[in-house]
Amino acid sequence: LNTYQAAPAILGQQGYTSAVFHGNSGSFWN
């Protein structure tokens, strides 16, 4: 729940759409 300035957010504000693909439970590693 921390505040971050991560790549998806930085690039999202430049018009990028971000997505992760993972064939396992979404809760794994939170």
Full PDB file with SEQRES, HELIX, SHEET, SSBOND, CRYST1, ORIGX, SCALE, CONECT and MASTER records, all heavy atoms in Angstrom:
SEQRES   1 A   30  LEU ASN THR TYR GLN ALA ALA PRO ALA ILE LEU GLY GLN          
SEQRES   2 A   30  GLN GLY TYR THR SER ALA VAL PHE HIS GLY ASN SER GLY          
SEQRES   3 A   30  SER PHE TRP ASN                                              
HELIX    1 AA1 ALA A    7  GLY A   12  1                                   6    
CRYST1    1.000    1.000    1.000  90.00  90.00  90.00 P 1           1          
ORIGX1      1.000000  0.000000  0.000000        0.00000                         
ORIGX2      0.000000  1.000000  0.000000        0.00000                         
ORIGX3      0.000000  0.000000  1.000000        0.00000                         
SCALE1      1.000000  0.000000  0.000000        0.00000                         
SCALE2      0.000000  1.000000  0.000000        0.00000                         
SCALE3      0.000000  0.000000  1.000000        0.00000                         
ATOM      1  N   LEU A   1       0.813  -1.220   0.000  1.00  0.00           N  
ATOM      2  CA  LEU A   1       0.000   0.000   0.000  1.00  0.00           C  
ATOM      3  C   LEU A   1       0.843   1.266   0.000  1.00  0.00           C  
ATOM      4  O   LEU A   1       0.307   2.373   0.092  1.00  0.00           O  
ATOM      5  CB  LEU A   1      -0.938  -0.004   1.212  1.00  0.00           C  
ATOM      6  CG  LEU A   1      -1.935  -1.163   1.292  1.00  0.00           C  
ATOM      7  CD1 LEU A   1      -2.805  -1.039   2.538  1.00  0.00           C  
ATOM      8  CD2 LEU A   1      -2.804  -1.240   0.048  1.00  0.00           C  
ATOM      9  N   ASN A   2       2.152   1.118  -0.112  1.00  0.00           N  
ATOM     10  CA  ASN A   2       3.033   2.291  -0.145  1.00  0.00           C  
ATOM     11  C   ASN A   2       2.781   3.161  -1.375  1.00  0.00           C  
ATOM     12  O   ASN A   2       2.133   2.737  -2.341  1.00  0.00           O  
ATOM     13  CB  ASN A   2       4.495   1.838  -0.177  1.00  0.00           C  
ATOM     14  CG  ASN A   2       5.066   1.597   1.206  1.00  0.00           C  
ATOM     15  OD1 ASN A   2       4.328   1.442   2.170  1.00  0.00           O  
ATOM     16  ND2 ASN A   2       6.380   1.553   1.305  1.00  0.00           N  
ATOM     17  N   THR A   3       3.337   4.362  -1.346  1.00  0.00           N  
ATOM     18  CA  THR A   3       3.346   5.253  -2.508  1.00  0.00           C  
ATOM     19  C   THR A   3       4.587   4.953  -3.343  1.00  0.00           C  
ATOM     20  O   THR A   3       5.690   4.865  -2.802  1.00  0.00           O  
ATOM     21  CB  THR A   3       3.376   6.722  -2.055  1.00  0.00           C  
ATOM     22  OG1 THR A   3       2.186   7.001  -1.306  1.00  0.00           O  
ATOM     23  CG2 THR A   3       3.473   7.665  -3.250  1.00  0.00           C  
ATOM     24  N   TYR A   4       4.408   4.780  -4.639  1.00  0.00           N  
ATOM     25  CA  TYR A   4       5.530   4.501  -5.541  1.00  0.00           C  
ATOM     26  C   TYR A   4       5.471   5.420  -6.755  1.00  0.00           C  
ATOM     27  O   TYR A   4       4.410   5.963  -7.101  1.00  0.00           O  
ATOM     28  CB  TYR A   4       5.500   3.038  -6.010  1.00  0.00           C  
ATOM     29  CG  TYR A   4       5.670   2.046  -4.881  1.00  0.00           C  
ATOM     30  CD1 TYR A   4       4.583   1.308  -4.400  1.00  0.00           C  
ATOM     31  CD2 TYR A   4       6.912   1.848  -4.280  1.00  0.00           C  
ATOM     32  CE1 TYR A   4       4.732   0.413  -3.357  1.00  0.00           C  
ATOM     33  CE2 TYR A   4       7.071   0.949  -3.238  1.00  0.00           C  
ATOM     34  CZ  TYR A   4       5.980   0.235  -2.780  1.00  0.00           C  
ATOM     35  OH  TYR A   4       6.140  -0.649  -1.743  1.00  0.00           O  
ATOM     36  N   GLN A   5       6.617   5.553  -7.402  1.00  0.00           N  
ATOM     37  CA  GLN A   5       6.718   6.265  -8.683  1.00  0.00           C  
ATOM     38  C   GLN A   5       7.339   5.283  -9.662  1.00  0.00           C  
ATOM     39  O   GLN A   5       8.502   5.375 -10.048  1.00  0.00           O  
ATOM     40  CB  GLN A   5       7.563   7.531  -8.496  1.00  0.00           C  
ATOM     41  CG  GLN A   5       6.849   8.550  -7.616  1.00  0.00           C  
ATOM     42  CD  GLN A   5       7.777   9.392  -6.774  1.00  0.00           C  
ATOM     43  OE1 GLN A   5       8.972   9.457  -7.019  1.00  0.00           O  
ATOM     44  NE2 GLN A   5       7.237  10.052  -5.750  1.00  0.00           N  
ATOM     45  N   ALA A   6       6.528   4.300 -10.021  1.00  0.00           N  
ATOM     46  CA  ALA A   6       6.986   3.136 -10.772  1.00  0.00           C  
ATOM     47  C   ALA A   6       6.791   3.327 -12.270  1.00  0.00           C  
ATOM     48  O   ALA A   6       6.064   4.219 -12.727  1.00  0.00           O  
ATOM     49  CB  ALA A   6       6.234   1.890 -10.299  1.00  0.00           C  
ATOM     50  N   ALA A   7       7.438   2.441 -13.032  1.00  0.00           N  
ATOM     51  CA  ALA A   7       7.401   2.534 -14.494  1.00  0.00           C  
ATOM     52  C   ALA A   7       5.982   2.589 -15.067  1.00  0.00           C  
ATOM     53  O   ALA A   7       5.708   3.411 -15.953  1.00  0.00           O  
ATOM     54  CB  ALA A   7       8.184   1.378 -15.104  1.00  0.00           C  
ATOM     55  N   PRO A   8       5.038   1.723 -14.611  1.00  0.00           N  
ATOM     56  CA  PRO A   8       3.688   1.794 -15.196  1.00  0.00           C  
ATOM     57  C   PRO A   8       3.034   3.161 -15.020  1.00  0.00           C  
ATOM     58  O   PRO A   8       2.348   3.655 -15.924  1.00  0.00           O  
ATOM     59  CB  PRO A   8       2.918   0.710 -14.430  1.00  0.00           C  
ATOM     60  CG  PRO A   8       3.953  -0.199 -13.890  1.00  0.00           C  
ATOM     61  CD  PRO A   8       5.145   0.651 -13.606  1.00  0.00           C  
ATOM     62  N   ALA A   9       3.265   3.787 -13.866  1.00  0.00           N  
ATOM     63  CA  ALA A   9       2.671   5.106 -13.611  1.00  0.00           C  
ATOM     64  C   ALA A   9       3.374   6.191 -14.414  1.00  0.00           C  
ATOM     65  O   ALA A   9       2.726   7.073 -14.999  1.00  0.00           O  
ATOM     66  CB  ALA A   9       2.733   5.428 -12.120  1.00  0.00           C  
ATOM     67  N   ILE A  10       4.704   6.141 -14.456  1.00  0.00           N  
ATOM     68  CA  ILE A  10       5.467   7.140 -15.214  1.00  0.00           C  
ATOM     69  C   ILE A  10       5.064   7.106 -16.684  1.00  0.00           C  
ATOM     70  O   ILE A  10       4.766   8.140 -17.294  1.00  0.00           O  
ATOM     71  CB  ILE A  10       6.976   6.886 -15.067  1.00  0.00           C  
ATOM     72  CG1 ILE A  10       7.423   7.099 -13.615  1.00  0.00           C  
ATOM     73  CG2 ILE A  10       7.774   7.791 -15.997  1.00  0.00           C  
ATOM     74  CD1 ILE A  10       8.846   6.645 -13.325  1.00  0.00           C  
ATOM     75  N   LEU A  11       5.035   5.903 -17.255  1.00  0.00           N  
ATOM     76  CA  LEU A  11       4.714   5.775 -18.681  1.00  0.00           C  
ATOM     77  C   LEU A  11       3.224   5.938 -18.937  1.00  0.00           C  
ATOM     78  O   LEU A  11       2.825   6.398 -20.017  1.00  0.00           O  
ATOM     79  CB  LEU A  11       5.212   4.429 -19.206  1.00  0.00           C  
ATOM     80  CG  LEU A  11       6.738   4.245 -19.154  1.00  0.00           C  
ATOM     81  CD1 LEU A  11       7.141   2.856 -19.635  1.00  0.00           C  
ATOM     82  CD2 LEU A  11       7.431   5.320 -19.993  1.00  0.00           C  
ATOM     83  N   GLY A  12       2.413   5.582 -17.942  1.00  0.00           N  
ATOM     84  CA  GLY A  12       0.964   5.767 -18.090  1.00  0.00           C  
ATOM     85  C   GLY A  12       0.604   7.222 -18.277  1.00  0.00           C  
ATOM     86  O   GLY A  12      -0.370   7.561 -18.962  1.00  0.00           O  
ATOM     87  N   GLN A  13       1.392   8.112 -17.684  1.00  0.00           N  
ATOM     88  CA  GLN A  13       1.153   9.550 -17.827  1.00  0.00           C  
ATOM     89  C   GLN A  13       1.762  10.102 -19.110  1.00  0.00           C  
ATOM     90  O   GLN A  13       1.709  11.303 -19.364  1.00  0.00           O  
ATOM     91  CB  GLN A  13       1.693  10.256 -16.574  1.00  0.00           C  
ATOM     92  CG  GLN A  13       0.878   9.878 -15.333  1.00  0.00           C  
ATOM     93  CD  GLN A  13       1.488  10.339 -14.027  1.00  0.00           C  
ATOM     94  OE1 GLN A  13       2.167  11.363 -13.969  1.00  0.00           O  
ATOM     95  NE2 GLN A  13       1.251   9.587 -12.957  1.00  0.00           N  
ATOM     96  N   GLN A  14       2.339   9.189 -19.911  1.00  0.00           N  
ATOM     97  CA  GLN A  14       2.835   9.552 -21.245  1.00  0.00           C  
ATOM     98  C   GLN A  14       2.046   8.834 -22.341  1.00  0.00           C  
ATOM     99  O   GLN A  14       2.487   8.757 -23.485  1.00  0.00           O  
ATOM    100  CB  GLN A  14       4.322   9.195 -21.354  1.00  0.00           C  
ATOM    101  CG  GLN A  14       5.209   9.945 -20.372  1.00  0.00           C  
ATOM    102  CD  GLN A  14       6.667   9.520 -20.446  1.00  0.00           C  
ATOM    103  OE1 GLN A  14       7.101   8.933 -21.439  1.00  0.00           O  
ATOM    104  NE2 GLN A  14       7.438   9.813 -19.413  1.00  0.00           N  
ATOM    105  N   GLY A  15       0.887   8.271 -21.945  1.00  0.00           N  
ATOM    106  CA  GLY A  15       0.005   7.667 -22.939  1.00  0.00           C  
ATOM    107  C   GLY A  15       0.116   6.164 -23.082  1.00  0.00           C  
ATOM    108  O   GLY A  15      -0.537   5.576 -23.953  1.00  0.00           O  
ATOM    109  N   TYR A  16       0.894   5.518 -22.240  1.00  0.00           N  
ATOM    110  CA  TYR A  16       1.043   4.062 -22.312  1.00  0.00           C  
ATOM    111  C   TYR A  16      -0.068   3.363 -21.526  1.00  0.00           C  
ATOM    112  O   TYR A  16      -0.522   3.844 -20.488  1.00  0.00           O  
ATOM    113  CB  TYR A  16       2.391   3.628 -21.727  1.00  0.00           C  
ATOM    114  CG  TYR A  16       3.559   3.768 -22.679  1.00  0.00           C  
ATOM    115  CD1 TYR A  16       4.076   5.019 -22.993  1.00  0.00           C  
ATOM    116  CD2 TYR A  16       4.143   2.647 -23.251  1.00  0.00           C  
ATOM    117  CE1 TYR A  16       5.149   5.159 -23.853  1.00  0.00           C  
ATOM    118  CE2 TYR A  16       5.222   2.766 -24.118  1.00  0.00           C  
ATOM    119  CZ  TYR A  16       5.723   4.025 -24.422  1.00  0.00           C  
ATOM    120  OH  TYR A  16       6.784   4.150 -25.288  1.00  0.00           O  
ATOM    121  N   THR A  17      -0.482   2.195 -22.027  1.00  0.00           N  
ATOM    122  CA  THR A  17      -1.358   1.284 -21.292  1.00  0.00           C  
ATOM    123  C   THR A  17      -0.481   0.168 -20.738  1.00  0.00           C  
ATOM    124  O   THR A  17       0.328  -0.412 -21.466  1.00  0.00           O  
ATOM    125  CB  THR A  17      -2.437   0.677 -22.209  1.00  0.00           C  
ATOM    126  OG1 THR A  17      -3.245   1.729 -22.735  1.00  0.00           O  
ATOM    127  CG2 THR A  17      -3.313  -0.308 -21.441  1.00  0.00           C  
ATOM    128  N   SER A  18      -0.625  -0.146 -19.457  1.00  0.00           N  
ATOM    129  CA  SER A  18       0.253  -1.138 -18.826  1.00  0.00           C  
ATOM    130  C   SER A  18      -0.516  -2.386 -18.436  1.00  0.00           C  
ATOM    131  O   SER A  18      -1.689  -2.327 -18.054  1.00  0.00           O  
ATOM    132  CB  SER A  18       0.926  -0.534 -17.593  1.00  0.00           C  
ATOM    133  OG  SER A  18      -0.037   0.005 -16.708  1.00  0.00           O  
ATOM    134  N   ALA A  19       0.154  -3.528 -18.521  1.00  0.00           N  
ATOM    135  CA  ALA A  19      -0.493  -4.799 -18.183  1.00  0.00           C  
ATOM    136  C   ALA A  19       0.548  -5.840 -17.807  1.00  0.00           C  
ATOM    137  O   ALA A  19       1.663  -5.850 -18.334  1.00  0.00           O  
ATOM    138  CB  ALA A  19      -1.330  -5.311 -19.353  1.00  0.00           C  
ATOM    139  N   VAL A  20       0.151  -6.720 -16.889  1.00  0.00           N  
ATOM    140  CA  VAL A  20       0.954  -7.886 -16.524  1.00  0.00           C  
ATOM    141  C   VAL A  20       0.187  -9.132 -16.912  1.00  0.00           C  
ATOM    142  O   VAL A  20      -1.036  -9.208 -16.724  1.00  0.00           O  
ATOM    143  CB  VAL A  20       1.249  -7.921 -15.008  1.00  0.00           C  
ATOM    144  CG1 VAL A  20       2.091  -9.150 -14.659  1.00  0.00           C  
ATOM    145  CG2 VAL A  20       1.960  -6.664 -14.565  1.00  0.00           C  
ATOM    146  N   PHE A  21       0.908 -10.128 -17.414  1.00  0.00           N  
ATOM    147  CA  PHE A  21       0.331 -11.411 -17.801  1.00  0.00           C  
ATOM    148  C   PHE A  21       0.977 -12.495 -16.944  1.00  0.00           C  
ATOM    149  O   PHE A  21       2.213 -12.618 -16.915  1.00  0.00           O  
ATOM    150  CB  PHE A  21       0.599 -11.699 -19.279  1.00  0.00           C  
ATOM    151  CG  PHE A  21       0.067 -10.649 -20.224  1.00  0.00           C  
ATOM    152  CD1 PHE A  21       0.747  -9.446 -20.400  1.00  0.00           C  
ATOM    153  CD2 PHE A  21      -1.109 -10.855 -20.922  1.00  0.00           C  
ATOM    154  CE1 PHE A  21       0.263  -8.473 -21.265  1.00  0.00           C  
ATOM    155  CE2 PHE A  21      -1.605  -9.888 -21.795  1.00  0.00           C  
ATOM    156  CZ  PHE A  21      -0.911  -8.688 -21.964  1.00  0.00           C  
ATOM    157  N   HIS A  22       0.139 -13.290 -16.254  1.00  0.00           N  
ATOM    158  CA  HIS A  22       0.689 -14.314 -15.351  1.00  0.00           C  
ATOM    159  C   HIS A  22      -0.349 -15.412 -15.150  1.00  0.00           C  
ATOM    160  O   HIS A  22      -1.435 -15.144 -14.639  1.00  0.00           O  
ATOM    161  CB  HIS A  22       1.049 -13.670 -14.008  1.00  0.00           C  
ATOM    162  CG  HIS A  22       1.688 -14.604 -13.028  1.00  0.00           C  
ATOM    163  ND1 HIS A  22       2.676 -15.494 -13.373  1.00  0.00           N  
ATOM    164  CD2 HIS A  22       1.488 -14.774 -11.691  1.00  0.00           C  
ATOM    165  CE1 HIS A  22       3.066 -16.164 -12.301  1.00  0.00           C  
ATOM    166  NE2 HIS A  22       2.352 -15.750 -11.274  1.00  0.00           N  
ATOM    167  N   GLY A  23      -0.025 -16.611 -15.540  1.00  0.00           N  
ATOM    168  CA  GLY A  23      -0.976 -17.724 -15.476  1.00  0.00           C  
ATOM    169  C   GLY A  23      -1.025 -18.392 -14.125  1.00  0.00           C  
ATOM    170  O   GLY A  23      -0.940 -19.623 -14.016  1.00  0.00           O  
ATOM    171  N   ASN A  24      -1.164 -17.608 -13.071  1.00  0.00           N  
ATOM    172  CA  ASN A  24      -1.243 -18.143 -11.714  1.00  0.00           C  
ATOM    173  C   ASN A  24      -2.169 -17.240 -10.902  1.00  0.00           C  
ATOM    174  O   ASN A  24      -2.658 -16.226 -11.396  1.00  0.00           O  
ATOM    175  CB  ASN A  24       0.160 -18.193 -11.081  1.00  0.00           C  
ATOM    176  CG  ASN A  24       0.200 -19.037  -9.819  1.00  0.00           C  
ATOM    177  OD1 ASN A  24      -0.768 -19.704  -9.467  1.00  0.00           O  
ATOM    178  ND2 ASN A  24       1.320 -19.003  -9.112  1.00  0.00           N  
ATOM    179  N   SER A  25      -2.375 -17.577  -9.652  1.00  0.00           N  
ATOM    180  CA  SER A  25      -3.246 -16.796  -8.780  1.00  0.00           C  
ATOM    181  C   SER A  25      -2.766 -15.358  -8.667  1.00  0.00           C  
ATOM    182  O   SER A  25      -1.573 -15.094  -8.476  1.00  0.00           O  
ATOM    183  CB  SER A  25      -3.291 -17.438  -7.392  1.00  0.00           C  
ATOM    184  OG  SER A  25      -3.900 -16.574  -6.463  1.00  0.00           O  
ATOM    185  N   GLY A  26      -3.692 -14.434  -8.749  1.00  0.00           N  
ATOM    186  CA  GLY A  26      -3.347 -13.020  -8.657  1.00  0.00           C  
ATOM    187  C   GLY A  26      -2.861 -12.611  -7.286  1.00  0.00           C  
ATOM    188  O   GLY A  26      -2.171 -11.602  -7.139  1.00  0.00           O  
ATOM    189  N   SER A  27      -3.188 -13.402  -6.255  1.00  0.00           N  
ATOM    190  CA  SER A  27      -2.785 -13.054  -4.896  1.00  0.00           C  
ATOM    191  C   SER A  27      -1.365 -13.501  -4.570  1.00  0.00           C  
ATOM    192  O   SER A  27      -0.812 -13.100  -3.544  1.00  0.00           O  
ATOM    193  CB  SER A  27      -3.758 -13.672  -3.883  1.00  0.00           C  
ATOM    194  OG  SER A  27      -3.714 -15.088  -3.948  1.00  0.00           O  
ATOM    195  N   PHE A  28      -0.777 -14.335  -5.433  1.00  0.00           N  
ATOM    196  CA  PHE A  28       0.584 -14.795  -5.166  1.00  0.00           C  
ATOM    197  C   PHE A  28       1.520 -13.591  -5.144  1.00  0.00           C  
ATOM    198  O   PHE A  28       1.536 -12.779  -6.058  1.00  0.00           O  
ATOM    199  CB  PHE A  28       1.001 -15.791  -6.258  1.00  0.00           C  
ATOM    200  CG  PHE A  28       2.183 -16.644  -5.872  1.00  0.00           C  
ATOM    201  CD1 PHE A  28       2.001 -17.843  -5.204  1.00  0.00           C  
ATOM    202  CD2 PHE A  28       3.470 -16.251  -6.177  1.00  0.00           C  
ATOM    203  CE1 PHE A  28       3.085 -18.635  -4.854  1.00  0.00           C  
ATOM    204  CE2 PHE A  28       4.557 -17.029  -5.833  1.00  0.00           C  
ATOM    205  CZ  PHE A  28       4.370 -18.230  -5.162  1.00  0.00           C  
ATOM    206  N   TRP A  29       2.316 -13.487  -4.094  1.00  0.00           N  
ATOM    207  CA  TRP A  29       3.188 -12.324  -3.837  1.00  0.00           C  
ATOM    208  C   TRP A  29       2.380 -11.031  -3.709  1.00  0.00           C  
ATOM    209  O   TRP A  29       2.926  -9.947  -3.892  1.00  0.00           O  
ATOM    210  CB  TRP A  29       4.257 -12.159  -4.912  1.00  0.00           C  
ATOM    211  CG  TRP A  29       5.362 -13.158  -4.900  1.00  0.00           C  
ATOM    212  CD1 TRP A  29       5.755 -13.966  -5.931  1.00  0.00           C  
ATOM    213  CD2 TRP A  29       6.262 -13.455  -3.821  1.00  0.00           C  
ATOM    214  NE1 TRP A  29       6.821 -14.758  -5.560  1.00  0.00           N  
ATOM    215  CE2 TRP A  29       7.154 -14.469  -4.274  1.00  0.00           C  
ATOM    216  CE3 TRP A  29       6.396 -12.974  -2.514  1.00  0.00           C  
ATOM    217  CZ2 TRP A  29       8.163 -15.003  -3.460  1.00  0.00           C  
ATOM    218  CZ3 TRP A  29       7.393 -13.508  -1.713  1.00  0.00           C  
ATOM    219  CH2 TRP A  29       8.256 -14.504  -2.194  1.00  0.00           C  
ATOM    220  N   ASN A  30       1.074 -11.134  -3.458  1.00  0.00           N  
ATOM    221  CA  ASN A  30       0.254  -9.930  -3.248  1.00  0.00           C  
ATOM    222  C   ASN A  30       0.200  -9.049  -4.500  1.00  0.00           C  
ATOM    223  O   ASN A  30      -0.025  -7.840  -4.424  1.00  0.00           O  
ATOM    224  CB  ASN A  30       0.811  -9.121  -2.063  1.00  0.00           C  
ATOM    225  CG  ASN A  30      -0.158  -8.104  -1.512  1.00  0.00           C  
ATOM    226  OD1 ASN A  30      -1.356  -8.357  -1.406  1.00  0.00           O  
ATOM    227  ND2 ASN A  30       0.348  -6.930  -1.170  1.00  0.00           N  
TER     228      ASN A  30                                                      
MASTER        0    0    0    1    0    0    0    6  227    1    0    3          
END                                                                             
